[in-house]
Amino acid sequence: DLIDYPVEMADFDTVTFDVAGVPHHVVVSGRHYGDLDRIA
């Protein structure tokens, strides 16, 4: 189980949304022009 989870460390952008009471996080590192709210 330990090796099954990737790790990202950076000054990243994130957006969070809930589905069935479970929070889901989208994390984007680096320069981007994505619309994170639309992605969510």
PDB file of all heavy atoms in Angstrom:
ATOM      1  N   ASP A   1       0.830  -1.203   0.000  1.00  0.00           N
ATOM      2  CA  ASP A   1       0.000   0.000   0.000  1.00  0.00           C
ATOM      3  C   ASP A   1       0.869   1.258   0.000  1.00  0.00           C
ATOM      4  O   ASP A   1       0.548   2.236  -0.661  1.00  0.00           O
ATOM      5  CB  ASP A   1      -0.943   0.018   1.200  1.00  0.00           C
ATOM      6  CG  ASP A   1      -2.172  -0.846   0.987  1.00  0.00           C
ATOM      7  OD1 ASP A   1      -2.202  -1.634   0.014  1.00  0.00           O
ATOM      8  OD2 ASP A   1      -3.106  -0.731   1.788  1.00  0.00           O
ATOM      9  N   LEU A   2       1.964   1.237   0.751  1.00  0.00           N
ATOM     10  CA  LEU A   2       2.850   2.395   0.823  1.00  0.00           C
ATOM     11  C   LEU A   2       3.356   2.807  -0.556  1.00  0.00           C
ATOM     12  O   LEU A   2       3.372   3.994  -0.887  1.00  0.00           O
ATOM     13  CB  LEU A   2       4.049   2.088   1.733  1.00  0.00           C
ATOM     14  CG  LEU A   2       5.118   3.173   1.824  1.00  0.00           C
ATOM     15  CD1 LEU A   2       4.588   4.383   2.571  1.00  0.00           C
ATOM     16  CD2 LEU A   2       6.376   2.627   2.484  1.00  0.00           C
ATOM     17  N   ILE A   3       3.746   1.851  -1.376  1.00  0.00           N
ATOM     18  CA  ILE A   3       4.337   2.189  -2.676  1.00  0.00           C
ATOM     19  C   ILE A   3       3.292   2.517  -3.739  1.00  0.00           C
ATOM     20  O   ILE A   3       3.641   2.832  -4.867  1.00  0.00           O
ATOM     21  CB  ILE A   3       5.285   1.080  -3.182  1.00  0.00           C
ATOM     22  CG1 ILE A   3       4.527  -0.229  -3.434  1.00  0.00           C
ATOM     23  CG2 ILE A   3       6.441   0.901  -2.205  1.00  0.00           C
ATOM     24  CD1 ILE A   3       5.354  -1.309  -4.080  1.00  0.00           C
ATOM     25  N   ASP A   4       2.031   2.464  -3.360  1.00  0.00           N
ATOM     26  CA  ASP A   4       0.944   2.680  -4.317  1.00  0.00           C
ATOM     27  C   ASP A   4       0.518   4.142  -4.435  1.00  0.00           C
ATOM     28  O   ASP A   4      -0.408   4.442  -5.175  1.00  0.00           O
ATOM     29  CB  ASP A   4      -0.256   1.820  -3.903  1.00  0.00           C
ATOM     30  CG  ASP A   4      -1.172   1.504  -5.070  1.00  0.00           C
ATOM     31  OD1 ASP A   4      -0.703   1.505  -6.220  1.00  0.00           O
ATOM     32  OD2 ASP A   4      -2.364   1.252  -4.824  1.00  0.00           O
ATOM     33  N   TYR A   5       1.149   5.055  -3.706  1.00  0.00           N
ATOM     34  CA  TYR A   5       0.747   6.456  -3.696  1.00  0.00           C
ATOM     35  C   TYR A   5       1.884   7.352  -4.186  1.00  0.00           C
ATOM     36  O   TYR A   5       2.898   7.495  -3.509  1.00  0.00           O
ATOM     37  CB  TYR A   5       0.385   6.895  -2.265  1.00  0.00           C
ATOM     38  CG  TYR A   5      -0.845   6.232  -1.702  1.00  0.00           C
ATOM     39  CD1 TYR A   5      -0.750   5.078  -0.941  1.00  0.00           C
ATOM     40  CD2 TYR A   5      -2.097   6.786  -1.922  1.00  0.00           C
ATOM     41  CE1 TYR A   5      -1.880   4.475  -0.414  1.00  0.00           C
ATOM     42  CE2 TYR A   5      -3.231   6.195  -1.395  1.00  0.00           C
ATOM     43  CZ  TYR A   5      -3.115   5.029  -0.639  1.00  0.00           C
ATOM     44  OH  TYR A   5      -4.239   4.448  -0.120  1.00  0.00           O
ATOM     45  N   PRO A   6       1.712   7.991  -5.337  1.00  0.00           N
ATOM     46  CA  PRO A   6       2.739   8.948  -5.770  1.00  0.00           C
ATOM     47  C   PRO A   6       2.729  10.195  -4.889  1.00  0.00           C
ATOM     48  O   PRO A   6       1.753  10.478  -4.195  1.00  0.00           O
ATOM     49  CB  PRO A   6       2.333   9.284  -7.209  1.00  0.00           C
ATOM     50  CG  PRO A   6       0.915   8.886  -7.331  1.00  0.00           C
ATOM     51  CD  PRO A   6       0.629   7.849  -6.290  1.00  0.00           C
ATOM     52  N   VAL A   7       3.843  10.930  -4.924  1.00  0.00           N
ATOM     53  CA  VAL A   7       4.003  12.149  -4.127  1.00  0.00           C
ATOM     54  C   VAL A   7       4.467  13.270  -5.044  1.00  0.00           C
ATOM     55  O   VAL A   7       5.388  13.085  -5.845  1.00  0.00           O
ATOM     56  CB  VAL A   7       5.043  11.944  -2.998  1.00  0.00           C
ATOM     57  CG1 VAL A   7       5.302  13.244  -2.257  1.00  0.00           C
ATOM     58  CG2 VAL A   7       4.584  10.848  -2.038  1.00  0.00           C
ATOM     59  N   GLU A   8       3.829  14.426  -4.948  1.00  0.00           N
ATOM     60  CA  GLU A   8       4.212  15.636  -5.688  1.00  0.00           C
ATOM     61  C   GLU A   8       4.508  16.723  -4.675  1.00  0.00           C
ATOM     62  O   GLU A   8       3.725  16.960  -3.755  1.00  0.00           O
ATOM     63  CB  GLU A   8       3.076  16.089  -6.615  1.00  0.00           C
ATOM     64  CG  GLU A   8       3.321  17.391  -7.321  1.00  0.00           C
ATOM     65  CD  GLU A   8       4.321  17.313  -8.465  1.00  0.00           C
ATOM     66  OE1 GLU A   8       4.645  16.198  -8.914  1.00  0.00           O
ATOM     67  OE2 GLU A   8       4.779  18.384  -8.910  1.00  0.00           O
ATOM     68  N   MET A   9       5.653  17.369  -4.849  1.00  0.00           N
ATOM     69  CA  MET A   9       6.023  18.506  -3.994  1.00  0.00           C
ATOM     70  C   MET A   9       6.409  19.656  -4.910  1.00  0.00           C
ATOM     71  O   MET A   9       7.253  19.489  -5.793  1.00  0.00           O
ATOM     72  CB  MET A   9       7.208  18.137  -3.092  1.00  0.00           C
ATOM     73  CG  MET A   9       6.905  17.005  -2.140  1.00  0.00           C
ATOM     74  SD  MET A   9       8.260  16.606  -1.019  1.00  0.00           S
ATOM     75  CE  MET A   9       9.472  15.915  -2.111  1.00  0.00           C
ATOM     76  N   ALA A  10       5.769  20.789  -4.712  1.00  0.00           N
ATOM     77  CA  ALA A  10       6.030  21.957  -5.556  1.00  0.00           C
ATOM     78  C   ALA A  10       5.178  23.120  -5.058  1.00  0.00           C
ATOM     79  O   ALA A  10       4.417  22.993  -4.105  1.00  0.00           O
ATOM     80  CB  ALA A  10       5.693  21.653  -7.020  1.00  0.00           C
ATOM     81  N   ASP A  11       5.309  24.231  -5.745  1.00  0.00           N
ATOM     82  CA  ASP A  11       4.413  25.368  -5.538  1.00  0.00           C
ATOM     83  C   ASP A  11       3.306  25.197  -6.578  1.00  0.00           C
ATOM     84  O   ASP A  11       3.303  25.836  -7.619  1.00  0.00           O
ATOM     85  CB  ASP A  11       5.185  26.677  -5.736  1.00  0.00           C
ATOM     86  CG  ASP A  11       4.336  27.888  -5.430  1.00  0.00           C
ATOM     87  OD1 ASP A  11       3.223  27.726  -4.887  1.00  0.00           O
ATOM     88  OD2 ASP A  11       4.781  29.003  -5.756  1.00  0.00           O
ATOM     89  N   PHE A  12       2.377  24.282  -6.317  1.00  0.00           N
ATOM     90  CA  PHE A  12       1.376  23.889  -7.306  1.00  0.00           C
ATOM     91  C   PHE A  12       0.045  24.601  -7.086  1.00  0.00           C
ATOM     92  O   PHE A  12      -0.201  25.193  -6.054  1.00  0.00           O
ATOM     93  CB  PHE A  12       1.170  22.376  -7.302  1.00  0.00           C
ATOM     94  CG  PHE A  12       0.916  21.765  -5.956  1.00  0.00           C
ATOM     95  CD1 PHE A  12      -0.295  21.921  -5.301  1.00  0.00           C
ATOM     96  CD2 PHE A  12       1.899  21.011  -5.340  1.00  0.00           C
ATOM     97  CE1 PHE A  12      -0.531  21.348  -4.064  1.00  0.00           C
ATOM     98  CE2 PHE A  12       1.676  20.426  -4.099  1.00  0.00           C
ATOM     99  CZ  PHE A  12       0.462  20.594  -3.461  1.00  0.00           C
ATOM    100  N   ASP A  13      -0.796  24.504  -8.120  1.00  0.00           N
ATOM    101  CA  ASP A  13      -2.174  24.993  -8.033  1.00  0.00           C
ATOM    102  C   ASP A  13      -3.082  23.796  -7.799  1.00  0.00           C
ATOM    103  O   ASP A  13      -2.790  22.680  -8.239  1.00  0.00           O
ATOM    104  CB  ASP A  13      -2.580  25.698  -9.330  1.00  0.00           C
ATOM    105  CG  ASP A  13      -1.802  26.974  -9.548  1.00  0.00           C
ATOM    106  OD1 ASP A  13      -1.542  27.687  -8.560  1.00  0.00           O
ATOM    107  OD2 ASP A  13      -1.451  27.265 -10.711  1.00  0.00           O
ATOM    108  N   THR A  14      -4.200  24.036  -7.141  1.00  0.00           N
ATOM    109  CA  THR A  14      -5.114  22.938  -6.852  1.00  0.00           C
ATOM    110  C   THR A  14      -6.555  23.426  -6.855  1.00  0.00           C
ATOM    111  O   THR A  14      -6.827  24.608  -6.614  1.00  0.00           O
ATOM    112  CB  THR A  14      -4.776  22.285  -5.493  1.00  0.00           C
ATOM    113  OG1 THR A  14      -5.628  21.155  -5.292  1.00  0.00           O
ATOM    114  CG2 THR A  14      -4.930  23.254  -4.351  1.00  0.00           C
ATOM    115  N   VAL A  15      -7.438  22.506  -7.153  1.00  0.00           N
ATOM    116  CA  VAL A  15      -8.864  22.743  -7.024  1.00  0.00           C
ATOM    117  C   VAL A  15      -9.457  21.477  -6.406  1.00  0.00           C
ATOM    118  O   VAL A  15      -8.985  20.372  -6.674  1.00  0.00           O
ATOM    119  CB  VAL A  15      -9.536  23.087  -8.381  1.00  0.00           C
ATOM    120  CG1 VAL A  15      -9.452  21.930  -9.353  1.00  0.00           C
ATOM    121  CG2 VAL A  15     -10.974  23.527  -8.183  1.00  0.00           C
ATOM    122  N   THR A  16     -10.444  21.654  -5.548  1.00  0.00           N
ATOM    123  CA  THR A  16     -11.054  20.532  -4.841  1.00  0.00           C
ATOM    124  C   THR A  16     -12.541  20.498  -5.147  1.00  0.00           C
ATOM    125  O   THR A  16     -13.188  21.542  -5.220  1.00  0.00           O
ATOM    126  CB  THR A  16     -10.834  20.678  -3.320  1.00  0.00           C
ATOM    127  OG1 THR A  16      -9.430  20.728  -3.065  1.00  0.00           O
ATOM    128  CG2 THR A  16     -11.454  19.527  -2.553  1.00  0.00           C
ATOM    129  N   PHE A  17     -13.064  19.287  -5.342  1.00  0.00           N
ATOM    130  CA  PHE A  17     -14.497  19.111  -5.522  1.00  0.00           C
ATOM    131  C   PHE A  17     -14.926  17.842  -4.806  1.00  0.00           C
ATOM    132  O   PHE A  17     -14.107  16.967  -4.548  1.00  0.00           O
ATOM    133  CB  PHE A  17     -14.875  19.072  -7.010  1.00  0.00           C
ATOM    134  CG  PHE A  17     -14.237  17.957  -7.792  1.00  0.00           C
ATOM    135  CD1 PHE A  17     -14.885  16.737  -7.971  1.00  0.00           C
ATOM    136  CD2 PHE A  17     -12.984  18.127  -8.361  1.00  0.00           C
ATOM    137  CE1 PHE A  17     -14.309  15.715  -8.691  1.00  0.00           C
ATOM    138  CE2 PHE A  17     -12.391  17.101  -9.084  1.00  0.00           C
ATOM    139  CZ  PHE A  17     -13.048  15.890  -9.247  1.00  0.00           C
ATOM    140  N   ASP A  18     -16.203  17.763  -4.459  1.00  0.00           N
ATOM    141  CA  ASP A  18     -16.732  16.596  -3.753  1.00  0.00           C
ATOM    142  C   ASP A  18     -17.592  15.762  -4.690  1.00  0.00           C
ATOM    143  O   ASP A  18     -18.335  16.304  -5.513  1.00  0.00           O
ATOM    144  CB  ASP A  18     -17.608  17.019  -2.571  1.00  0.00           C
ATOM    145  CG  ASP A  18     -16.798  17.394  -1.352  1.00  0.00           C
ATOM    146  OD1 ASP A  18     -15.562  17.240  -1.386  1.00  0.00           O
ATOM    147  OD2 ASP A  18     -17.390  17.835  -0.359  1.00  0.00           O
ATOM    148  N   VAL A  19     -17.480  14.460  -4.524  1.00  0.00           N
ATOM    149  CA  VAL A  19     -18.373  13.511  -5.186  1.00  0.00           C
ATOM    150  C   VAL A  19     -18.717  12.460  -4.141  1.00  0.00           C
ATOM    151  O   VAL A  19     -17.814  11.876  -3.531  1.00  0.00           O
ATOM    152  CB  VAL A  19     -17.709  12.853  -6.417  1.00  0.00           C
ATOM    153  CG1 VAL A  19     -18.637  11.822  -7.035  1.00  0.00           C
ATOM    154  CG2 VAL A  19     -17.301  13.890  -7.445  1.00  0.00           C
ATOM    155  N   ALA A  20     -19.992  12.264  -3.897  1.00  0.00           N
ATOM    156  CA  ALA A  20     -20.481  11.290  -2.914  1.00  0.00           C
ATOM    157  C   ALA A  20     -19.870  11.541  -1.542  1.00  0.00           C
ATOM    158  O   ALA A  20     -19.553  10.603  -0.814  1.00  0.00           O
ATOM    159  CB  ALA A  20     -20.204   9.867  -3.394  1.00  0.00           C
ATOM    160  N   GLY A  21     -19.672  12.812  -1.205  1.00  0.00           N
ATOM    161  CA  GLY A  21     -19.120  13.156   0.099  1.00  0.00           C
ATOM    162  C   GLY A  21     -17.621  12.940   0.238  1.00  0.00           C
ATOM    163  O   GLY A  21     -17.084  13.065   1.325  1.00  0.00           O
ATOM    164  N   VAL A  22     -16.955  12.621  -0.865  1.00  0.00           N
ATOM    165  CA  VAL A  22     -15.511  12.366  -0.840  1.00  0.00           C
ATOM    166  C   VAL A  22     -14.805  13.515  -1.558  1.00  0.00           C
ATOM    167  O   VAL A  22     -15.100  13.791  -2.726  1.00  0.00           O
ATOM    168  CB  VAL A  22     -15.167  11.033  -1.536  1.00  0.00           C
ATOM    169  CG1 VAL A  22     -13.665  10.810  -1.589  1.00  0.00           C
ATOM    170  CG2 VAL A  22     -15.876   9.874  -0.836  1.00  0.00           C
ATOM    171  N   PRO A  23     -13.876  14.203  -0.883  1.00  0.00           N
ATOM    172  CA  PRO A  23     -13.144  15.271  -1.563  1.00  0.00           C
ATOM    173  C   PRO A  23     -12.171  14.706  -2.595  1.00  0.00           C
ATOM    174  O   PRO A  23     -11.504  13.705  -2.344  1.00  0.00           O
ATOM    175  CB  PRO A  23     -12.395  15.984  -0.438  1.00  0.00           C
ATOM    176  CG  PRO A  23     -12.352  15.019   0.691  1.00  0.00           C
ATOM    177  CD  PRO A  23     -13.500  14.072   0.521  1.00  0.00           C
ATOM    178  N   HIS A  24     -12.150  15.328  -3.751  1.00  0.00           N
ATOM    179  CA  HIS A  24     -11.222  14.992  -4.838  1.00  0.00           C
ATOM    180  C   HIS A  24     -10.373  16.230  -5.104  1.00  0.00           C
ATOM    181  O   HIS A  24     -10.912  17.339  -5.169  1.00  0.00           O
ATOM    182  CB  HIS A  24     -11.977  14.615  -6.115  1.00  0.00           C
ATOM    183  CG  HIS A  24     -12.752  13.343  -6.018  1.00  0.00           C
ATOM    184  ND1 HIS A  24     -13.795  13.142  -5.135  1.00  0.00           N
ATOM    185  CD2 HIS A  24     -12.624  12.189  -6.698  1.00  0.00           C
ATOM    186  CE1 HIS A  24     -14.273  11.927  -5.291  1.00  0.00           C
ATOM    187  NE2 HIS A  24     -13.579  11.326  -6.232  1.00  0.00           N
ATOM    188  N   HIS A  25      -9.079  16.042  -5.270  1.00  0.00           N
ATOM    189  CA  HIS A  25      -8.164  17.158  -5.487  1.00  0.00           C
ATOM    190  C   HIS A  25      -7.492  17.018  -6.846  1.00  0.00           C
ATOM    191  O   HIS A  25      -6.979  15.945  -7.170  1.00  0.00           O
ATOM    192  CB  HIS A  25      -7.088  17.209  -4.408  1.00  0.00           C
ATOM    193  CG  HIS A  25      -7.624  17.189  -3.015  1.00  0.00           C
ATOM    194  ND1 HIS A  25      -8.199  18.295  -2.428  1.00  0.00           N
ATOM    195  CD2 HIS A  25      -7.695  16.195  -2.097  1.00  0.00           C
ATOM    196  CE1 HIS A  25      -8.581  17.982  -1.208  1.00  0.00           C
ATOM    197  NE2 HIS A  25      -8.297  16.720  -0.985  1.00  0.00           N
ATOM    198  N   VAL A  26      -7.466  18.089  -7.602  1.00  0.00           N
ATOM    199  CA  VAL A  26      -6.693  18.158  -8.835  1.00  0.00           C
ATOM    200  C   VAL A  26      -5.494  19.049  -8.529  1.00  0.00           C
ATOM    201  O   VAL A  26      -5.657  20.174  -8.053  1.00  0.00           O
ATOM    202  CB  VAL A  26      -7.518  18.749 -10.006  1.00  0.00           C
ATOM    203  CG1 VAL A  26      -6.655  18.883 -11.253  1.00  0.00           C
ATOM    204  CG2 VAL A  26      -8.748  17.898 -10.271  1.00  0.00           C
ATOM    205  N   VAL A  27      -4.294  18.524  -8.784  1.00  0.00           N
ATOM    206  CA  VAL A  27      -3.058  19.243  -8.500  1.00  0.00           C
ATOM    207  C   VAL A  27      -2.310  19.427  -9.810  1.00  0.00           C
ATOM    208  O   VAL A  27      -2.087  18.463 -10.535  1.00  0.00           O
ATOM    209  CB  VAL A  27      -2.190  18.451  -7.496  1.00  0.00           C
ATOM    210  CG1 VAL A  27      -0.842  19.112  -7.298  1.00  0.00           C
ATOM    211  CG2 VAL A  27      -2.930  18.310  -6.168  1.00  0.00           C
ATOM    212  N   VAL A  28      -1.937  20.669 -10.106  1.00  0.00           N
ATOM    213  CA  VAL A  28      -1.223  20.982 -11.347  1.00  0.00           C
ATOM    214  C   VAL A  28       0.052  21.732 -10.985  1.00  0.00           C
ATOM    215  O   VAL A  28       0.007  22.804 -10.383  1.00  0.00           O
ATOM    216  CB  VAL A  28      -2.086  21.826 -12.309  1.00  0.00           C
ATOM    217  CG1 VAL A  28      -1.326  22.127 -13.588  1.00  0.00           C
ATOM    218  CG2 VAL A  28      -3.403  21.113 -12.607  1.00  0.00           C
ATOM    219  N   SER A  29       1.196  21.156 -11.376  1.00  0.00           N
ATOM    220  CA  SER A  29       2.498  21.790 -11.133  1.00  0.00           C
ATOM    221  C   SER A  29       2.986  22.484 -12.391  1.00  0.00           C
ATOM    222  O   SER A  29       2.669  22.069 -13.506  1.00  0.00           O
ATOM    223  CB  SER A  29       3.537  20.739 -10.733  1.00  0.00           C
ATOM    224  OG  SER A  29       3.294  20.273  -9.445  1.00  0.00           O
ATOM    225  N   GLY A  30       3.756  23.514 -12.195  1.00  0.00           N
ATOM    226  CA  GLY A  30       4.356  24.221 -13.333  1.00  0.00           C
ATOM    227  C   GLY A  30       3.422  25.260 -13.915  1.00  0.00           C
ATOM    228  O   GLY A  30       2.265  25.402 -13.524  1.00  0.00           O
ATOM    229  N   ARG A  31       3.952  25.988 -14.875  1.00  0.00           N
ATOM    230  CA  ARG A  31       3.175  27.033 -15.533  1.00  0.00           C
ATOM    231  C   ARG A  31       2.082  26.392 -16.386  1.00  0.00           C
ATOM    232  O   ARG A  31       2.341  25.451 -17.136  1.00  0.00           O
ATOM    233  CB  ARG A  31       4.093  27.869 -16.426  1.00  0.00           C
ATOM    234  CG  ARG A  31       3.419  29.081 -17.000  1.00  0.00           C
ATOM    235  CD  ARG A  31       4.336  29.920 -17.834  1.00  0.00           C
ATOM    236  NE  ARG A  31       5.730  29.686 -17.466  1.00  0.00           N
ATOM    237  CZ  ARG A  31       6.752  30.238 -18.070  1.00  0.00           C
ATOM    238  NH1 ARG A  31       6.559  31.054 -19.062  1.00  0.00           N
ATOM    239  NH2 ARG A  31       7.975  29.978 -17.686  1.00  0.00           N
ATOM    240  N   HIS A  32       0.891  26.901 -16.268  1.00  0.00           N
ATOM    241  CA  HIS A  32      -0.223  26.365 -17.054  1.00  0.00           C
ATOM    242  C   HIS A  32      -1.258  27.471 -17.248  1.00  0.00           C
ATOM    243  O   HIS A  32      -1.239  28.494 -16.572  1.00  0.00           O
ATOM    244  CB  HIS A  32      -0.852  25.152 -16.354  1.00  0.00           C
ATOM    245  CG  HIS A  32      -1.577  25.500 -15.095  1.00  0.00           C
ATOM    246  ND1 HIS A  32      -2.911  25.847 -15.085  1.00  0.00           N
ATOM    247  CD2 HIS A  32      -1.161  25.595 -13.811  1.00  0.00           C
ATOM    248  CE1 HIS A  32      -3.282  26.120 -13.845  1.00  0.00           C
ATOM    249  NE2 HIS A  32      -2.228  25.983 -13.056  1.00  0.00           N
ATOM    250  N   TYR A  33      -2.146  27.228 -18.172  1.00  0.00           N
ATOM    251  CA  TYR A  33      -3.231  28.174 -18.437  1.00  0.00           C
ATOM    252  C   TYR A  33      -4.575  27.464 -18.332  1.00  0.00           C
ATOM    253  O   TYR A  33      -5.553  27.893 -18.917  1.00  0.00           O
ATOM    254  CB  TYR A  33      -3.049  28.798 -19.827  1.00  0.00           C
ATOM    255  CG  TYR A  33      -1.725  29.515 -19.943  1.00  0.00           C
ATOM    256  CD1 TYR A  33      -0.650  28.921 -20.585  1.00  0.00           C
ATOM    257  CD2 TYR A  33      -1.535  30.759 -19.351  1.00  0.00           C
ATOM    258  CE1 TYR A  33       0.571  29.564 -20.667  1.00  0.00           C
ATOM    259  CE2 TYR A  33      -0.314  31.406 -19.423  1.00  0.00           C
ATOM    260  CZ  TYR A  33       0.733  30.800 -20.082  1.00  0.00           C
ATOM    261  OH  TYR A  33       1.949  31.432 -20.143  1.00  0.00           O
ATOM    262  N   GLY A  34      -4.580  26.374 -17.558  1.00  0.00           N
ATOM    263  CA  GLY A  34      -5.794  25.589 -17.415  1.00  0.00           C
ATOM    264  C   GLY A  34      -6.837  26.292 -16.558  1.00  0.00           C
ATOM    265  O   GLY A  34      -6.509  27.026 -15.635  1.00  0.00           O
ATOM    266  N   ASP A  35      -8.078  26.051 -16.889  1.00  0.00           N
ATOM    267  CA  ASP A  35      -9.206  26.544 -16.102  1.00  0.00           C
ATOM    268  C   ASP A  35      -9.536  25.450 -15.085  1.00  0.00           C
ATOM    269  O   ASP A  35     -10.293  24.517 -15.382  1.00  0.00           O
ATOM    270  CB  ASP A  35     -10.386  26.826 -17.034  1.00  0.00           C
ATOM    271  CG  ASP A  35     -11.613  27.366 -16.322  1.00  0.00           C
ATOM    272  OD1 ASP A  35     -11.687  27.263 -15.073  1.00  0.00           O
ATOM    273  OD2 ASP A  35     -12.507  27.873 -17.021  1.00  0.00           O
ATOM    274  N   LEU A  36      -8.971  25.543 -13.898  1.00  0.00           N
ATOM    275  CA  LEU A  36      -9.111  24.481 -12.910  1.00  0.00           C
ATOM    276  C   LEU A  36     -10.556  24.286 -12.463  1.00  0.00           C
ATOM    277  O   LEU A  36     -10.981  23.156 -12.209  1.00  0.00           O
ATOM    278  CB  LEU A  36      -8.204  24.740 -11.707  1.00  0.00           C
ATOM    279  CG  LEU A  36      -6.700  24.695 -11.984  1.00  0.00           C
ATOM    280  CD1 LEU A  36      -5.905  24.882 -10.693  1.00  0.00           C
ATOM    281  CD2 LEU A  36      -6.293  23.409 -12.671  1.00  0.00           C
ATOM    282  N   ASP A  37     -11.318  25.362 -12.389  1.00  0.00           N
ATOM    283  CA  ASP A  37     -12.729  25.214 -12.013  1.00  0.00           C
ATOM    284  C   ASP A  37     -13.492  24.410 -13.071  1.00  0.00           C
ATOM    285  O   ASP A  37     -14.319  23.562 -12.739  1.00  0.00           O
ATOM    286  CB  ASP A  37     -13.376  26.581 -11.798  1.00  0.00           C
ATOM    287  CG  ASP A  37     -12.835  27.281 -10.560  1.00  0.00           C
ATOM    288  OD1 ASP A  37     -12.468  26.590  -9.592  1.00  0.00           O
ATOM    289  OD2 ASP A  37     -12.764  28.523 -10.567  1.00  0.00           O
ATOM    290  N   ARG A  38     -13.201  24.665 -14.323  1.00  0.00           N
ATOM    291  CA  ARG A  38     -13.864  23.908 -15.388  1.00  0.00           C
ATOM    292  C   ARG A  38     -13.408  22.448 -15.366  1.00  0.00           C
ATOM    293  O   ARG A  38     -14.223  21.536 -15.561  1.00  0.00           O
ATOM    294  CB  ARG A  38     -13.573  24.510 -16.754  1.00  0.00           C
ATOM    295  CG  ARG A  38     -14.257  23.717 -17.848  1.00  0.00           C
ATOM    296  CD  ARG A  38     -14.158  24.345 -19.186  1.00  0.00           C
ATOM    297  NE  ARG A  38     -14.819  23.468 -20.151  1.00  0.00           N
ATOM    298  CZ  ARG A  38     -14.794  23.654 -21.430  1.00  0.00           C
ATOM    299  NH1 ARG A  38     -14.156  24.696 -21.933  1.00  0.00           N
ATOM    300  NH2 ARG A  38     -15.394  22.826 -22.234  1.00  0.00           N
ATOM    301  N   ILE A  39     -12.122  22.221 -15.139  1.00  0.00           N
ATOM    302  CA  ILE A  39     -11.628  20.846 -15.036  1.00  0.00           C
ATOM    303  C   ILE A  39     -12.368  20.111 -13.923  1.00  0.00           C
ATOM    304  O   ILE A  39     -12.809  18.973 -14.099  1.00  0.00           O
ATOM    305  CB  ILE A  39     -10.102  20.832 -14.804  1.00  0.00           C
ATOM    306  CG1 ILE A  39      -9.387  21.308 -16.074  1.00  0.00           C
ATOM    307  CG2 ILE A  39      -9.614  19.451 -14.387  1.00  0.00           C
ATOM    308  CD1 ILE A  39      -7.898  21.544 -15.907  1.00  0.00           C
ATOM    309  N   ALA A  40     -12.558  20.773 -12.784  1.00  0.00           N
ATOM    310  CA  ALA A  40     -13.287  20.160 -11.667  1.00  0.00           C
ATOM    311  C   ALA A  40     -14.727  19.847 -12.067  1.00  0.00           C
ATOM    312  O   ALA A  40     -15.227  18.753 -11.779  1.00  0.00           O
ATOM    313  CB  ALA A  40     -13.245  21.069 -10.445  1.00  0.00           C
TER     314      ALA A  40
END
